[in-house]
């Protein structure tokens, strides 16, 4: 088996969760290993029988320059898929991305992620989709809130941006509700909605999260405190029946059961929804939450 190696490609990009990373950018170190085993270069000396590393570098630069990701996990997965699509010769690709000057206080050389994708894994995914899941729809639920500026307009603009993603098709949007702030109460009341969308076949929850955080950033409002005021806040509540527990994403969202501003609009658009074995309306009734949620207007 042959391996093409791209070692320590240093590119400047704007990936990361922190506002400072998106605003100022930083250096990223890319290392890529591409494995293929069908070449026979005893009888061939043609570029057509291998993978052109210049084209791989072009893919790395194009995606790094033209897209912004909150998560290196999402960036590495997008790159690995793009590289694997280049040629049927490729059997496996490994993408490693490091932040060489991470925004942390510790004395550390770098932090990063490494993602490996095998063609057999990709074939298995495609087979599962084509044979058993071709008609299966993955429904996604999101909660949106705003308490700075024109709250209604902020929500409508955010929903429009979400719907522009090729991987997200918005199906239903709840009415607008005005809700008292939780956790940090010395701030303006929020306008809140919940929407139901269909995720595209090629979507994944980590990349979707990165897309949603990119929308938040585009509004320009800073989140100085975790539960403080913001122009727009978007939470990914559910992603089909998937369960994820990671440092970056938890699905289902862990705060759903204690938040009337999520439960009430969710019960409006999906009255059949079940939480902990109970119909959502019964769950709300028995939960006895006291948070004020007032209907404002239909979407």
C-alpha atoms as a PDB file:
ATOM      1  CA  UNK A   1       0.000   0.000   0.000  1.00  0.00           C
ATOM      2  CA  UNK A   2       1.224   3.487  -0.888  1.00  0.00           C
ATOM      3  CA  UNK A   3       0.824   6.549   1.294  1.00  0.00           C
ATOM      4  CA  UNK A   4       0.903  10.146   0.094  1.00  0.00           C
ATOM      5  CA  UNK A   5       1.971  12.479   2.881  1.00  0.00           C
ATOM      6  CA  UNK A   6       1.260  16.192   3.205  1.00  0.00           C
ATOM      7  CA  UNK A   7       3.214  17.311   6.236  1.00  0.00           C
ATOM      8  CA  UNK A   8       2.923  20.490   8.277  1.00  0.00           C
ATOM      9  CA  UNK A   9       1.021  22.671   5.828  1.00  0.00           C
ATOM     10  CA  UNK A  10       0.638  25.971   7.681  1.00  0.00           C
ATOM     11  CA  UNK A  11      -2.474  27.972   6.778  1.00  0.00           C
ATOM     12  CA  UNK A  12      -4.088  31.005   8.368  1.00  0.00           C
ATOM     13  CA  UNK A  13      -7.791  30.616   9.085  1.00  0.00           C
ATOM     14  CA  UNK A  14     -10.726  31.814  11.152  1.00  0.00           C
ATOM     15  CA  UNK A  15     -11.994  28.629  12.797  1.00  0.00           C
ATOM     16  CA  UNK A  16     -12.942  28.347  16.459  1.00  0.00           C
ATOM     17  CA  UNK A  17     -15.719  28.933  18.965  1.00  0.00           C
ATOM     18  CA  UNK A  18     -14.347  32.113  20.547  1.00  0.00           C
ATOM     19  CA  UNK A  19     -15.174  35.518  19.072  1.00  0.00           C
ATOM     20  CA  UNK A  20     -11.468  36.414  19.107  1.00  0.00           C
ATOM     21  CA  UNK A  21     -10.669  33.394  16.906  1.00  0.00           C
ATOM     22  CA  UNK A  22     -13.317  34.382  14.376  1.00  0.00           C
ATOM     23  CA  UNK A  23     -12.266  38.022  14.406  1.00  0.00           C
ATOM     24  CA  UNK A  24      -8.459  37.798  14.478  1.00  0.00           C
ATOM     25  CA  UNK A  25      -7.798  34.360  13.011  1.00  0.00           C
ATOM     26  CA  UNK A  26      -4.833  32.121  13.770  1.00  0.00           C
ATOM     27  CA  UNK A  27      -2.402  29.614  12.263  1.00  0.00           C
ATOM     28  CA  UNK A  28      -3.468  26.023  11.668  1.00  0.00           C
ATOM     29  CA  UNK A  29      -1.197  23.086  10.927  1.00  0.00           C
ATOM     30  CA  UNK A  30      -2.553  20.494   8.473  1.00  0.00           C
ATOM     31  CA  UNK A  31      -1.185  16.957   8.119  1.00  0.00           C
ATOM     32  CA  UNK A  32      -2.808  14.558   5.673  1.00  0.00           C
ATOM     33  CA  UNK A  33      -2.088  10.892   4.948  1.00  0.00           C
ATOM     34  CA  UNK A  34      -3.692   9.364   1.846  1.00  0.00           C
ATOM     35  CA  UNK A  35      -3.521   5.585   1.442  1.00  0.00           C
ATOM     36  CA  UNK A  36      -3.985   3.728  -1.837  1.00  0.00           C
ATOM     37  CA  UNK A  37      -2.918   0.254  -2.902  1.00  0.00           C
ATOM     38  CA  UNK A  38      -3.811  -0.331  -6.527  1.00  0.00           C
ATOM     39  CA  UNK A  39      -0.887   1.467  -8.126  1.00  0.00           C
ATOM     40  CA  UNK A  40       1.819  -0.454 -10.018  1.00  0.00           C
ATOM     41  CA  UNK A  41       4.624   1.959 -10.775  1.00  0.00           C
ATOM     42  CA  UNK A  42       6.981  -0.702 -12.086  1.00  0.00           C
ATOM     43  CA  UNK A  43       5.113  -0.421 -15.362  1.00  0.00           C
ATOM     44  CA  UNK A  44       3.690   3.064 -15.058  1.00  0.00           C
ATOM     45  CA  UNK A  45       5.139   6.455 -14.358  1.00  0.00           C
ATOM     46  CA  UNK A  46       1.985   8.462 -15.012  1.00  0.00           C
ATOM     47  CA  UNK A  47       0.344  11.010 -12.734  1.00  0.00           C
ATOM     48  CA  UNK A  48      -3.013   9.572 -13.799  1.00  0.00           C
ATOM     49  CA  UNK A  49      -2.238   6.410 -11.808  1.00  0.00           C
ATOM     50  CA  UNK A  50      -1.825   8.186  -8.509  1.00  0.00           C
ATOM     51  CA  UNK A  51      -3.291  11.081  -6.515  1.00  0.00           C
ATOM     52  CA  UNK A  52      -1.952  14.535  -7.288  1.00  0.00           C
ATOM     53  CA  UNK A  53      -0.918  16.078  -3.966  1.00  0.00           C
ATOM     54  CA  UNK A  54      -1.119  19.553  -5.521  1.00  0.00           C
ATOM     55  CA  UNK A  55      -4.860  19.040  -5.978  1.00  0.00           C
ATOM     56  CA  UNK A  56      -5.170  17.880  -2.384  1.00  0.00           C
ATOM     57  CA  UNK A  57      -3.423  21.038  -1.183  1.00  0.00           C
ATOM     58  CA  UNK A  58      -5.774  23.105  -3.330  1.00  0.00           C
ATOM     59  CA  UNK A  59      -8.778  21.490  -1.592  1.00  0.00           C
ATOM     60  CA  UNK A  60      -7.273  22.211   1.818  1.00  0.00           C
ATOM     61  CA  UNK A  61      -6.621  25.854   0.938  1.00  0.00           C
ATOM     62  CA  UNK A  62      -9.979  26.438  -0.748  1.00  0.00           C
ATOM     63  CA  UNK A  63     -12.031  25.106   2.174  1.00  0.00           C
ATOM     64  CA  UNK A  64      -9.825  26.769   4.798  1.00  0.00           C
ATOM     65  CA  UNK A  65      -9.965  30.137   3.001  1.00  0.00           C
ATOM     66  CA  UNK A  66     -13.652  30.182   2.082  1.00  0.00           C
ATOM     67  CA  UNK A  67     -15.391  28.548   5.032  1.00  0.00           C
ATOM     68  CA  UNK A  68     -15.361  29.114   8.775  1.00  0.00           C
ATOM     69  CA  UNK A  69     -15.943  26.335  11.282  1.00  0.00           C
ATOM     70  CA  UNK A  70     -16.513  26.495  15.002  1.00  0.00           C
ATOM     71  CA  UNK A  71     -15.257  22.936  15.420  1.00  0.00           C
ATOM     72  CA  UNK A  72     -12.087  21.375  14.037  1.00  0.00           C
ATOM     73  CA  UNK A  73     -14.039  18.102  14.122  1.00  0.00           C
ATOM     74  CA  UNK A  74     -16.353  19.482  11.431  1.00  0.00           C
ATOM     75  CA  UNK A  75     -13.505  20.900   9.353  1.00  0.00           C
ATOM     76  CA  UNK A  76     -11.534  17.630   9.428  1.00  0.00           C
ATOM     77  CA  UNK A  77     -14.581  15.597   8.436  1.00  0.00           C
ATOM     78  CA  UNK A  78     -15.440  17.877   5.518  1.00  0.00           C
ATOM     79  CA  UNK A  79     -11.842  17.739   4.262  1.00  0.00           C
ATOM     80  CA  UNK A  80     -11.604  13.942   4.563  1.00  0.00           C
ATOM     81  CA  UNK A  81     -14.804  13.465   2.564  1.00  0.00           C
ATOM     82  CA  UNK A  82     -13.677  15.883  -0.146  1.00  0.00           C
ATOM     83  CA  UNK A  83     -10.302  14.170  -0.485  1.00  0.00           C
ATOM     84  CA  UNK A  84     -11.824  10.695  -0.625  1.00  0.00           C
ATOM     85  CA  UNK A  85     -14.122  11.863  -3.419  1.00  0.00           C
ATOM     86  CA  UNK A  86     -11.097  12.842  -5.538  1.00  0.00           C
ATOM     87  CA  UNK A  87     -10.264   9.335  -6.733  1.00  0.00           C
ATOM     88  CA  UNK A  88     -11.449   5.734  -6.495  1.00  0.00           C
ATOM     89  CA  UNK A  89      -7.797   4.828  -5.880  1.00  0.00           C
ATOM     90  CA  UNK A  90      -7.973   6.226  -2.352  1.00  0.00           C
ATOM     91  CA  UNK A  91      -8.774   3.608   0.281  1.00  0.00           C
ATOM     92  CA  UNK A  92      -8.269   5.666   3.424  1.00  0.00           C
ATOM     93  CA  UNK A  93      -7.524   9.263   4.345  1.00  0.00           C
ATOM     94  CA  UNK A  94      -6.422  10.732   7.661  1.00  0.00           C
ATOM     95  CA  UNK A  95      -6.670  14.462   8.360  1.00  0.00           C
ATOM     96  CA  UNK A  96      -4.996  16.061  11.367  1.00  0.00           C
ATOM     97  CA  UNK A  97      -5.542  19.744  12.193  1.00  0.00           C
ATOM     98  CA  UNK A  98      -3.790  21.593  15.013  1.00  0.00           C
ATOM     99  CA  UNK A  99      -4.011  25.046  16.537  1.00  0.00           C
ATOM    100  CA  UNK A 100      -0.391  26.048  17.086  1.00  0.00           C
ATOM    101  CA  UNK A 101      -1.269  29.009  19.321  1.00  0.00           C
ATOM    102  CA  UNK A 102      -4.467  27.906  21.067  1.00  0.00           C
ATOM    103  CA  UNK A 103      -6.324  30.502  23.189  1.00  0.00           C
ATOM    104  CA  UNK A 104      -5.509  28.823  26.510  1.00  0.00           C
ATOM    105  CA  UNK A 105      -3.142  29.754  29.334  1.00  0.00           C
ATOM    106  CA  UNK A 106      -1.227  26.479  29.616  1.00  0.00           C
ATOM    107  CA  UNK A 107       2.256  26.075  28.154  1.00  0.00           C
ATOM    108  CA  UNK A 108       1.393  23.751  25.284  1.00  0.00           C
ATOM    109  CA  UNK A 109       2.721  23.228  21.783  1.00  0.00           C
ATOM    110  CA  UNK A 110      -0.600  22.631  20.049  1.00  0.00           C
ATOM    111  CA  UNK A 111      -4.103  21.225  20.353  1.00  0.00           C
ATOM    112  CA  UNK A 112      -6.086  19.602  17.572  1.00  0.00           C
ATOM    113  CA  UNK A 113      -8.067  16.717  16.173  1.00  0.00           C
ATOM    114  CA  UNK A 114      -7.374  13.807  13.846  1.00  0.00           C
ATOM    115  CA  UNK A 115     -10.052  12.156  11.736  1.00  0.00           C
ATOM    116  CA  UNK A 116      -9.723   8.969   9.657  1.00  0.00           C
ATOM    117  CA  UNK A 117     -12.176   7.980   6.940  1.00  0.00           C
ATOM    118  CA  UNK A 118     -12.082   4.651   5.082  1.00  0.00           C
ATOM    119  CA  UNK A 119     -13.764   4.032   1.757  1.00  0.00           C
ATOM    120  CA  UNK A 120     -15.408   0.922   3.176  1.00  0.00           C
ATOM    121  CA  UNK A 121     -16.985   3.087   5.876  1.00  0.00           C
ATOM    122  CA  UNK A 122     -18.312   5.430   3.229  1.00  0.00           C
ATOM    123  CA  UNK A 123     -19.671   2.526   1.170  1.00  0.00           C
ATOM    124  CA  UNK A 124     -21.415   1.114   4.232  1.00  0.00           C
ATOM    125  CA  UNK A 125     -23.051   4.457   4.881  1.00  0.00           C
ATOM    126  CA  UNK A 126     -24.181   4.755   1.262  1.00  0.00           C
ATOM    127  CA  UNK A 127     -25.490   1.177   1.269  1.00  0.00           C
ATOM    128  CA  UNK A 128     -27.487   1.801   4.415  1.00  0.00           C
ATOM    129  CA  UNK A 129     -29.037   4.879   2.897  1.00  0.00           C
ATOM    130  CA  UNK A 130     -29.837   3.325  -0.462  1.00  0.00           C
ATOM    131  CA  UNK A 131     -31.224   0.026   0.802  1.00  0.00           C
ATOM    132  CA  UNK A 132     -33.051   0.825   4.010  1.00  0.00           C
ATOM    133  CA  UNK A 133     -33.062   4.549   4.735  1.00  0.00           C
ATOM    134  CA  UNK A 134     -33.785   6.117   1.350  1.00  0.00           C
ATOM    135  CA  UNK A 135     -37.218   7.284   2.552  1.00  0.00           C
ATOM    136  CA  UNK A 136     -36.226   7.868   6.136  1.00  0.00           C
ATOM    137  CA  UNK A 137     -36.382  11.483   7.224  1.00  0.00           C
ATOM    138  CA  UNK A 138     -34.218  12.842  10.002  1.00  0.00           C
ATOM    139  CA  UNK A 139     -36.073  15.546  11.864  1.00  0.00           C
ATOM    140  CA  UNK A 140     -34.167  18.240  13.697  1.00  0.00           C
ATOM    141  CA  UNK A 141     -35.495  20.649  16.320  1.00  0.00           C
ATOM    142  CA  UNK A 142     -33.945  24.011  17.195  1.00  0.00           C
ATOM    143  CA  UNK A 143     -34.702  26.708  19.744  1.00  0.00           C
ATOM    144  CA  UNK A 144     -34.086  30.363  18.898  1.00  0.00           C
ATOM    145  CA  UNK A 145     -34.133  33.383  21.204  1.00  0.00           C
ATOM    146  CA  UNK A 146     -33.405  37.109  21.077  1.00  0.00           C
ATOM    147  CA  UNK A 147     -33.527  39.924  23.642  1.00  0.00           C
ATOM    148  CA  UNK A 148     -31.435  42.672  22.024  1.00  0.00           C
ATOM    149  CA  UNK A 149     -32.684  45.049  19.319  1.00  0.00           C
ATOM    150  CA  UNK A 150     -35.625  44.148  17.079  1.00  0.00           C
ATOM    151  CA  UNK A 151     -36.317  40.733  18.571  1.00  0.00           C
ATOM    152  CA  UNK A 152     -38.875  39.604  16.012  1.00  0.00           C
ATOM    153  CA  UNK A 153     -36.783  40.677  13.052  1.00  0.00           C
ATOM    154  CA  UNK A 154     -33.744  38.926  14.525  1.00  0.00           C
ATOM    155  CA  UNK A 155     -35.681  35.673  14.735  1.00  0.00           C
ATOM    156  CA  UNK A 156     -37.057  35.942  11.200  1.00  0.00           C
ATOM    157  CA  UNK A 157     -33.653  36.732   9.746  1.00  0.00           C
ATOM    158  CA  UNK A 158     -32.081  33.784  11.593  1.00  0.00           C
ATOM    159  CA  UNK A 159     -34.740  31.347  10.355  1.00  0.00           C
ATOM    160  CA  UNK A 160     -34.167  32.564   6.807  1.00  0.00           C
ATOM    161  CA  UNK A 161     -30.421  31.981   7.140  1.00  0.00           C
ATOM    162  CA  UNK A 162     -30.981  28.500   8.587  1.00  0.00           C
ATOM    163  CA  UNK A 163     -33.238  27.611   5.681  1.00  0.00           C
ATOM    164  CA  UNK A 164     -30.570  28.688   3.182  1.00  0.00           C
ATOM    165  CA  UNK A 165     -28.347  25.776   4.182  1.00  0.00           C
ATOM    166  CA  UNK A 166     -28.444  23.018   1.541  1.00  0.00           C
ATOM    167  CA  UNK A 167     -28.627  20.494   4.390  1.00  0.00           C
ATOM    168  CA  UNK A 168     -31.546  22.023   6.329  1.00  0.00           C
ATOM    169  CA  UNK A 169     -35.156  22.283   5.189  1.00  0.00           C
ATOM    170  CA  UNK A 170     -37.322  24.193   7.668  1.00  0.00           C
ATOM    171  CA  UNK A 171     -40.747  22.540   7.946  1.00  0.00           C
ATOM    172  CA  UNK A 172     -42.532  24.275  10.833  1.00  0.00           C
ATOM    173  CA  UNK A 173     -41.963  27.333  12.990  1.00  0.00           C
ATOM    174  CA  UNK A 174     -43.833  27.908  16.227  1.00  0.00           C
ATOM    175  CA  UNK A 175     -45.566  31.079  17.256  1.00  0.00           C
ATOM    176  CA  UNK A 176     -43.455  33.778  18.881  1.00  0.00           C
ATOM    177  CA  UNK A 177     -43.483  33.767  22.684  1.00  0.00           C
ATOM    178  CA  UNK A 178     -42.173  36.386  25.094  1.00  0.00           C
ATOM    179  CA  UNK A 179     -40.384  34.736  27.985  1.00  0.00           C
ATOM    180  CA  UNK A 180     -38.726  35.858  31.178  1.00  0.00           C
ATOM    181  CA  UNK A 181     -34.970  35.250  31.289  1.00  0.00           C
ATOM    182  CA  UNK A 182     -33.704  32.216  33.186  1.00  0.00           C
ATOM    183  CA  UNK A 183     -30.477  31.808  35.164  1.00  0.00           C
ATOM    184  CA  UNK A 184     -29.475  35.475  34.744  1.00  0.00           C
ATOM    185  CA  UNK A 185     -32.636  37.440  35.434  1.00  0.00           C
ATOM    186  CA  UNK A 186     -31.367  41.045  35.259  1.00  0.00           C
ATOM    187  CA  UNK A 187     -31.890  41.443  31.511  1.00  0.00           C
ATOM    188  CA  UNK A 188     -34.661  42.062  28.978  1.00  0.00           C
ATOM    189  CA  UNK A 189     -37.353  39.523  28.218  1.00  0.00           C
ATOM    190  CA  UNK A 190     -36.700  37.231  25.272  1.00  0.00           C
ATOM    191  CA  UNK A 191     -38.656  36.451  22.148  1.00  0.00           C
ATOM    192  CA  UNK A 192     -38.460  32.676  21.626  1.00  0.00           C
ATOM    193  CA  UNK A 193     -39.469  30.168  18.971  1.00  0.00           C
ATOM    194  CA  UNK A 194     -38.861  26.497  18.206  1.00  0.00           C
ATOM    195  CA  UNK A 195     -38.577  25.177  14.665  1.00  0.00           C
ATOM    196  CA  UNK A 196     -38.732  21.728  13.131  1.00  0.00           C
ATOM    197  CA  UNK A 197     -36.523  20.973  10.132  1.00  0.00           C
ATOM    198  CA  UNK A 198     -35.494  18.057   7.976  1.00  0.00           C
ATOM    199  CA  UNK A 199     -31.786  17.292   7.809  1.00  0.00           C
ATOM    200  CA  UNK A 200     -30.306  16.434   4.419  1.00  0.00           C
ATOM    201  CA  UNK A 201     -28.705  13.049   3.765  1.00  0.00           C
ATOM    202  CA  UNK A 202     -25.196  14.492   3.778  1.00  0.00           C
ATOM    203  CA  UNK A 203     -25.660  16.520   6.959  1.00  0.00           C
ATOM    204  CA  UNK A 204     -24.040  15.691  10.271  1.00  0.00           C
ATOM    205  CA  UNK A 205     -24.822  17.237  13.670  1.00  0.00           C
ATOM    206  CA  UNK A 206     -21.342  18.673  14.261  1.00  0.00           C
ATOM    207  CA  UNK A 207     -21.247  20.499  10.938  1.00  0.00           C
ATOM    208  CA  UNK A 208     -24.817  21.667  11.505  1.00  0.00           C
ATOM    209  CA  UNK A 209     -23.780  23.045  14.892  1.00  0.00           C
ATOM    210  CA  UNK A 210     -20.906  24.891  13.249  1.00  0.00           C
ATOM    211  CA  UNK A 211     -23.293  26.369  10.675  1.00  0.00           C
ATOM    212  CA  UNK A 212     -25.688  27.545  13.404  1.00  0.00           C
ATOM    213  CA  UNK A 213     -22.888  29.104  15.448  1.00  0.00           C
ATOM    214  CA  UNK A 214     -21.737  30.873  12.304  1.00  0.00           C
ATOM    215  CA  UNK A 215     -25.201  32.424  12.000  1.00  0.00           C
ATOM    216  CA  UNK A 216     -25.012  33.591  15.610  1.00  0.00           C
ATOM    217  CA  UNK A 217     -21.654  35.197  14.930  1.00  0.00           C
ATOM    218  CA  UNK A 218     -22.952  36.947  11.800  1.00  0.00           C
ATOM    219  CA  UNK A 219     -25.364  38.967  13.955  1.00  0.00           C
ATOM    220  CA  UNK A 220     -22.423  40.576  15.702  1.00  0.00           C
ATOM    221  CA  UNK A 221     -23.673  40.295  19.272  1.00  0.00           C
ATOM    222  CA  UNK A 222     -21.175  39.174  21.884  1.00  0.00           C
ATOM    223  CA  UNK A 223     -21.955  36.558  24.524  1.00  0.00           C
ATOM    224  CA  UNK A 224     -20.054  37.998  27.451  1.00  0.00           C
ATOM    225  CA  UNK A 225     -21.857  35.659  29.840  1.00  0.00           C
ATOM    226  CA  UNK A 226     -23.179  32.182  29.208  1.00  0.00           C
ATOM    227  CA  UNK A 227     -26.806  33.101  29.879  1.00  0.00           C
ATOM    228  CA  UNK A 228     -26.502  36.807  29.194  1.00  0.00           C
ATOM    229  CA  UNK A 229     -28.198  39.027  26.613  1.00  0.00           C
ATOM    230  CA  UNK A 230     -27.731  38.255  22.943  1.00  0.00           C
ATOM    231  CA  UNK A 231     -29.004  39.354  19.548  1.00  0.00           C
ATOM    232  CA  UNK A 232     -29.661  35.748  18.555  1.00  0.00           C
ATOM    233  CA  UNK A 233     -29.149  32.428  20.300  1.00  0.00           C
ATOM    234  CA  UNK A 234     -29.665  29.082  18.544  1.00  0.00           C
ATOM    235  CA  UNK A 235     -29.705  25.730  20.326  1.00  0.00           C
ATOM    236  CA  UNK A 236     -29.808  22.366  18.569  1.00  0.00           C
ATOM    237  CA  UNK A 237     -32.369  20.435  20.627  1.00  0.00           C
ATOM    238  CA  UNK A 238     -32.834  17.106  18.873  1.00  0.00           C
ATOM    239  CA  UNK A 239     -31.192  15.442  15.862  1.00  0.00           C
ATOM    240  CA  UNK A 240     -33.444  12.523  14.945  1.00  0.00           C
ATOM    241  CA  UNK A 241     -33.038   9.795  17.560  1.00  0.00           C
ATOM    242  CA  UNK A 242     -29.320  10.468  17.943  1.00  0.00           C
ATOM    243  CA  UNK A 243     -27.604  10.666  21.334  1.00  0.00           C
ATOM    244  CA  UNK A 244     -24.345  12.635  21.519  1.00  0.00           C
ATOM    245  CA  UNK A 245     -22.324  13.452  24.618  1.00  0.00           C
ATOM    246  CA  UNK A 246     -19.221  15.507  23.838  1.00  0.00           C
ATOM    247  CA  UNK A 247     -17.398  18.631  24.963  1.00  0.00           C
ATOM    248  CA  UNK A 248     -18.949  20.571  22.069  1.00  0.00           C
ATOM    249  CA  UNK A 249     -22.389  19.077  21.536  1.00  0.00           C
ATOM    250  CA  UNK A 250     -24.959  17.235  23.632  1.00  0.00           C
ATOM    251  CA  UNK A 251     -28.005  15.742  21.921  1.00  0.00           C
ATOM    252  CA  UNK A 252     -30.731  15.872  23.150  1.00  0.00           C
ATOM    253  CA  UNK A 253     -30.010  19.284  24.626  1.00  0.00           C
ATOM    254  CA  UNK A 254     -29.656  18.824  28.403  1.00  0.00           C
ATOM    255  CA  UNK A 255     -31.724  21.897  29.306  1.00  0.00           C
ATOM    256  CA  UNK A 256     -34.957  21.022  27.521  1.00  0.00           C
ATOM    257  CA  UNK A 257     -36.860  19.536  30.455  1.00  0.00           C
ATOM    258  CA  UNK A 258     -36.467  22.630  32.652  1.00  0.00           C
ATOM    259  CA  UNK A 259     -37.217  25.283  30.024  1.00  0.00           C
ATOM    260  CA  UNK A 260     -40.782  26.376  29.434  1.00  0.00           C
ATOM    261  CA  UNK A 261     -39.555  28.650  26.626  1.00  0.00           C
ATOM    262  CA  UNK A 262     -38.580  25.477  24.757  1.00  0.00           C
ATOM    263  CA  UNK A 263     -41.318  23.079  25.885  1.00  0.00           C
ATOM    264  CA  UNK A 264     -44.320  25.278  25.105  1.00  0.00           C
ATOM    265  CA  UNK A 265     -43.417  26.216  21.496  1.00  0.00           C
ATOM    266  CA  UNK A 266     -42.224  22.618  20.931  1.00  0.00           C
ATOM    267  CA  UNK A 267     -45.611  21.297  22.071  1.00  0.00           C
ATOM    268  CA  UNK A 268     -47.298  23.678  19.619  1.00  0.00           C
ATOM    269  CA  UNK A 269     -45.517  22.421  16.498  1.00  0.00           C
ATOM    270  CA  UNK A 270     -45.246  18.750  17.600  1.00  0.00           C
ATOM    271  CA  UNK A 271     -48.092  17.977  20.038  1.00  0.00           C
ATOM    272  CA  UNK A 272     -47.353  14.255  19.615  1.00  0.00           C
ATOM    273  CA  UNK A 273     -43.827  14.643  20.990  1.00  0.00           C
ATOM    274  CA  UNK A 274     -42.830  12.322  23.841  1.00  0.00           C
ATOM    275  CA  UNK A 275     -40.478  13.230  26.709  1.00  0.00           C
ATOM    276  CA  UNK A 276     -39.545  10.609  29.294  1.00  0.00           C
ATOM    277  CA  UNK A 277     -42.388   8.394  28.166  1.00  0.00           C
ATOM    278  CA  UNK A 278     -45.032  11.110  28.490  1.00  0.00           C
ATOM    279  CA  UNK A 279     -46.775  13.174  25.871  1.00  0.00           C
ATOM    280  CA  UNK A 280     -45.160  16.612  25.904  1.00  0.00           C
ATOM    281  CA  UNK A 281     -48.332  18.407  27.010  1.00  0.00           C
ATOM    282  CA  UNK A 282     -48.716  16.023  29.945  1.00  0.00           C
ATOM    283  CA  UNK A 283     -45.028  16.418  30.725  1.00  0.00           C
ATOM    284  CA  UNK A 284     -45.431  20.222  30.864  1.00  0.00           C
ATOM    285  CA  UNK A 285     -48.482  19.894  33.096  1.00  0.00           C
ATOM    286  CA  UNK A 286     -46.745  17.578  35.559  1.00  0.00           C
ATOM    287  CA  UNK A 287     -43.413  19.451  35.509  1.00  0.00           C
ATOM    288  CA  UNK A 288     -44.981  22.468  37.194  1.00  0.00           C
ATOM    289  CA  UNK A 289     -42.467  24.943  35.779  1.00  0.00           C
ATOM    290  CA  UNK A 290     -43.100  28.544  36.842  1.00  0.00           C
ATOM    291  CA  UNK A 291     -41.198  30.393  34.105  1.00  0.00           C
ATOM    292  CA  UNK A 292     -43.494  32.929  32.412  1.00  0.00           C
ATOM    293  CA  UNK A 293     -44.122  32.301  28.710  1.00  0.00           C
ATOM    294  CA  UNK A 294     -46.628  34.584  26.938  1.00  0.00           C
ATOM    295  CA  UNK A 295     -47.972  34.172  23.394  1.00  0.00           C
ATOM    296  CA  UNK A 296     -47.089  37.147  21.183  1.00  0.00           C
ATOM    297  CA  UNK A 297     -48.165  36.277  17.655  1.00  0.00           C
ATOM    298  CA  UNK A 298     -48.271  33.474  15.111  1.00  0.00           C
ATOM    299  CA  UNK A 299     -45.257  33.060  12.906  1.00  0.00           C
END
